[in-house]
Amino acid sequence: MVKIPKLSGAELVKALKKAGFKFVRQKGSHISLQKGKHRTVVPLHDELAMGTFLAILKQCGLTKEELLKFL
């Protein structure tokens, strides 16, 4: 099992952009990203809760291992 470091919302957005996701819009402290049919909203918090982080990965169709390549 891969150990993922605690990430902020901004760090996750940066990694997802490297993975090919495009900025759609921002409303307050939440950024909406899209890649093809995969769409997600990332909160710009200092530290994302693990459940929130895993839900975002599931919405993006990525595994932890795939995300680590872009960090």
N, C-alpha and C. Protein backbone atom coordinates (compact mmCIF):
# COMPACT_ATOMS: atom_id res chain seq x y z
N MET A 1 0.85 -1.19 0.00
CA MET A 1 0.00 0.00 0.00
C MET A 1 0.89 1.24 0.00
N VAL A 2 0.51 2.21 -0.78
CA VAL A 2 1.30 3.43 -0.95
C VAL A 2 0.92 4.44 0.11
N LYS A 3 1.93 5.05 0.73
CA LYS A 3 1.71 6.09 1.73
C LYS A 3 1.66 7.44 1.03
N ILE A 4 0.54 8.13 1.15
CA ILE A 4 0.37 9.44 0.53
C ILE A 4 0.59 10.51 1.59
N PRO A 5 1.42 11.51 1.30
CA PRO A 5 1.62 12.59 2.27
C PRO A 5 0.36 13.45 2.37
N LYS A 6 0.20 14.14 3.49
CA LYS A 6 -0.92 15.08 3.64
C LYS A 6 -0.73 16.20 2.63
N LEU A 7 -1.76 16.49 1.87
CA LEU A 7 -1.69 17.51 0.83
C LEU A 7 -2.65 18.65 1.12
N SER A 8 -2.26 19.83 0.68
CA SER A 8 -3.19 20.96 0.72
C SER A 8 -4.01 20.91 -0.57
N GLY A 9 -5.07 21.68 -0.61
CA GLY A 9 -5.89 21.74 -1.81
C GLY A 9 -5.11 22.26 -3.00
N ALA A 10 -4.26 23.28 -2.77
CA ALA A 10 -3.46 23.87 -3.85
C ALA A 10 -2.47 22.86 -4.42
N GLU A 11 -1.86 22.04 -3.55
CA GLU A 11 -0.91 21.03 -4.02
C GLU A 11 -1.62 19.97 -4.86
N LEU A 12 -2.84 19.59 -4.45
CA LEU A 12 -3.60 18.60 -5.21
C LEU A 12 -4.02 19.17 -6.56
N VAL A 13 -4.43 20.43 -6.60
CA VAL A 13 -4.80 21.06 -7.87
C VAL A 13 -3.61 21.07 -8.82
N LYS A 14 -2.43 21.40 -8.30
CA LYS A 14 -1.21 21.43 -9.11
C LYS A 14 -0.92 20.05 -9.72
N ALA A 15 -1.05 19.00 -8.90
CA ALA A 15 -0.81 17.63 -9.37
C ALA A 15 -1.85 17.21 -10.41
N LEU A 16 -3.11 17.57 -10.18
CA LEU A 16 -4.16 17.21 -11.13
C LEU A 16 -3.98 17.93 -12.46
N LYS A 17 -3.50 19.17 -12.42
CA LYS A 17 -3.23 19.89 -13.67
C LYS A 17 -2.11 19.20 -14.45
N LYS A 18 -1.09 18.69 -13.75
CA LYS A 18 -0.02 17.94 -14.41
C LYS A 18 -0.57 16.65 -15.02
N ALA A 19 -1.63 16.11 -14.41
CA ALA A 19 -2.26 14.87 -14.91
C ALA A 19 -3.19 15.14 -16.08
N GLY A 20 -3.33 16.40 -16.47
CA GLY A 20 -4.14 16.72 -17.64
C GLY A 20 -5.49 17.36 -17.36
N PHE A 21 -5.80 17.61 -16.10
CA PHE A 21 -7.06 18.26 -15.76
C PHE A 21 -6.97 19.74 -16.05
N LYS A 22 -8.07 20.31 -16.49
CA LYS A 22 -8.14 21.73 -16.84
C LYS A 22 -9.03 22.47 -15.84
N PHE A 23 -8.65 23.71 -15.55
CA PHE A 23 -9.43 24.58 -14.68
C PHE A 23 -10.75 24.92 -15.38
N VAL A 24 -11.87 24.75 -14.68
CA VAL A 24 -13.17 25.09 -15.23
C VAL A 24 -13.66 26.40 -14.62
N ARG A 25 -13.68 26.45 -13.28
CA ARG A 25 -14.09 27.68 -12.60
C ARG A 25 -13.73 27.61 -11.13
N GLN A 26 -13.84 28.76 -10.47
CA GLN A 26 -13.59 28.83 -9.04
C GLN A 26 -14.72 29.62 -8.41
N LYS A 27 -15.22 29.10 -7.30
CA LYS A 27 -16.25 29.81 -6.55
C LYS A 27 -15.84 29.77 -5.08
N GLY A 28 -15.43 30.92 -4.58
CA GLY A 28 -14.95 30.98 -3.20
C GLY A 28 -13.64 30.21 -3.07
N SER A 29 -13.61 29.27 -2.13
CA SER A 29 -12.38 28.50 -1.90
C SER A 29 -12.44 27.11 -2.53
N HIS A 30 -13.24 26.94 -3.58
CA HIS A 30 -13.36 25.65 -4.25
C HIS A 30 -13.08 25.82 -5.74
N ILE A 31 -12.21 24.94 -6.27
CA ILE A 31 -11.85 24.97 -7.69
C ILE A 31 -12.44 23.75 -8.38
N SER A 32 -13.05 23.98 -9.52
CA SER A 32 -13.64 22.91 -10.33
C SER A 32 -12.68 22.58 -11.47
N LEU A 33 -12.36 21.29 -11.62
CA LEU A 33 -11.45 20.81 -12.65
C LEU A 33 -12.14 19.75 -13.50
N GLN A 34 -11.70 19.61 -14.75
CA GLN A 34 -12.32 18.63 -15.64
C GLN A 34 -11.28 18.06 -16.61
N LYS A 35 -11.43 16.76 -16.88
CA LYS A 35 -10.63 16.08 -17.91
C LYS A 35 -11.55 15.06 -18.56
N GLY A 36 -11.97 15.36 -19.77
CA GLY A 36 -12.93 14.48 -20.44
C GLY A 36 -14.23 14.42 -19.67
N LYS A 37 -14.65 13.21 -19.30
CA LYS A 37 -15.90 13.06 -18.55
C LYS A 37 -15.68 13.14 -17.04
N HIS A 38 -14.43 13.16 -16.61
CA HIS A 38 -14.14 13.23 -15.17
C HIS A 38 -14.15 14.68 -14.71
N ARG A 39 -14.95 14.93 -13.69
CA ARG A 39 -15.10 16.28 -13.15
C ARG A 39 -15.01 16.22 -11.64
N THR A 40 -14.34 17.17 -11.01
CA THR A 40 -14.24 17.18 -9.56
C THR A 40 -14.10 18.60 -9.05
N VAL A 41 -14.38 18.76 -7.77
CA VAL A 41 -14.22 20.04 -7.08
C VAL A 41 -13.22 19.83 -5.95
N VAL A 42 -12.20 20.69 -5.90
CA VAL A 42 -11.17 20.59 -4.88
C VAL A 42 -11.26 21.80 -3.95
N PRO A 43 -11.45 21.58 -2.63
CA PRO A 43 -11.45 22.70 -1.70
C PRO A 43 -10.02 23.18 -1.47
N LEU A 44 -9.82 24.48 -1.41
CA LEU A 44 -8.48 25.03 -1.20
C LEU A 44 -8.20 25.19 0.29
N HIS A 45 -8.19 24.08 1.01
CA HIS A 45 -7.91 24.09 2.43
C HIS A 45 -6.42 23.83 2.66
N ASP A 46 -5.94 24.19 3.86
CA ASP A 46 -4.53 23.98 4.18
C ASP A 46 -4.16 22.51 4.14
N GLU A 47 -5.05 21.66 4.65
CA GLU A 47 -4.80 20.22 4.67
C GLU A 47 -6.11 19.50 4.38
N LEU A 48 -6.12 18.67 3.35
CA LEU A 48 -7.34 17.94 3.00
C LEU A 48 -7.53 16.73 3.90
N ALA A 49 -8.76 16.49 4.32
CA ALA A 49 -9.07 15.28 5.08
C ALA A 49 -8.87 14.07 4.17
N MET A 50 -8.49 12.93 4.73
CA MET A 50 -8.20 11.75 3.93
C MET A 50 -9.44 11.29 3.16
N GLY A 51 -10.62 11.35 3.76
CA GLY A 51 -11.84 10.95 3.06
C GLY A 51 -12.13 11.84 1.86
N THR A 52 -11.91 13.14 2.03
CA THR A 52 -12.11 14.09 0.93
C THR A 52 -11.12 13.81 -0.18
N PHE A 53 -9.87 13.58 0.19
CA PHE A 53 -8.81 13.30 -0.77
C PHE A 53 -9.13 12.04 -1.58
N LEU A 54 -9.54 10.97 -0.90
CA LEU A 54 -9.85 9.71 -1.59
C LEU A 54 -11.08 9.85 -2.49
N ALA A 55 -12.07 10.64 -2.06
CA ALA A 55 -13.26 10.87 -2.88
C ALA A 55 -12.89 11.62 -4.16
N ILE A 56 -11.99 12.59 -4.05
CA ILE A 56 -11.54 13.35 -5.23
C ILE A 56 -10.81 12.42 -6.20
N LEU A 57 -9.94 11.55 -5.67
CA LEU A 57 -9.23 10.60 -6.54
C LEU A 57 -10.22 9.69 -7.27
N LYS A 58 -11.23 9.23 -6.57
CA LYS A 58 -12.24 8.35 -7.17
C LYS A 58 -12.99 9.08 -8.29
N GLN A 59 -13.36 10.34 -8.05
CA GLN A 59 -14.06 11.13 -9.06
C GLN A 59 -13.18 11.36 -10.28
N CYS A 60 -11.87 11.47 -10.06
CA CYS A 60 -10.92 11.72 -11.15
C CYS A 60 -10.56 10.45 -11.91
N GLY A 61 -10.85 9.30 -11.33
CA GLY A 61 -10.51 8.04 -11.97
C GLY A 61 -9.02 7.73 -11.85
N LEU A 62 -8.38 8.23 -10.79
CA LEU A 62 -6.95 8.00 -10.57
C LEU A 62 -6.74 7.12 -9.35
N THR A 63 -5.61 6.41 -9.34
CA THR A 63 -5.21 5.66 -8.15
C THR A 63 -4.17 6.49 -7.40
N LYS A 64 -3.86 6.07 -6.19
CA LYS A 64 -2.84 6.77 -5.40
C LYS A 64 -1.49 6.72 -6.11
N GLU A 65 -1.18 5.56 -6.70
CA GLU A 65 0.10 5.39 -7.38
C GLU A 65 0.21 6.34 -8.58
N GLU A 66 -0.88 6.47 -9.33
CA GLU A 66 -0.87 7.37 -10.49
C GLU A 66 -0.69 8.82 -10.06
N LEU A 67 -1.34 9.20 -8.96
CA LEU A 67 -1.22 10.58 -8.47
C LEU A 67 0.20 10.88 -8.01
N LEU A 68 0.86 9.90 -7.38
CA LEU A 68 2.22 10.12 -6.87
C LEU A 68 3.19 10.51 -7.99
N LYS A 69 2.94 10.05 -9.21
CA LYS A 69 3.81 10.40 -10.34
C LYS A 69 3.78 11.90 -10.62
N PHE A 70 2.67 12.55 -10.28
CA PHE A 70 2.49 13.97 -10.60
C PHE A 70 2.81 14.90 -9.43
N LEU A 71 3.18 14.35 -8.28
CA LEU A 71 3.52 15.20 -7.12
C LEU A 71 4.95 15.67 -7.18
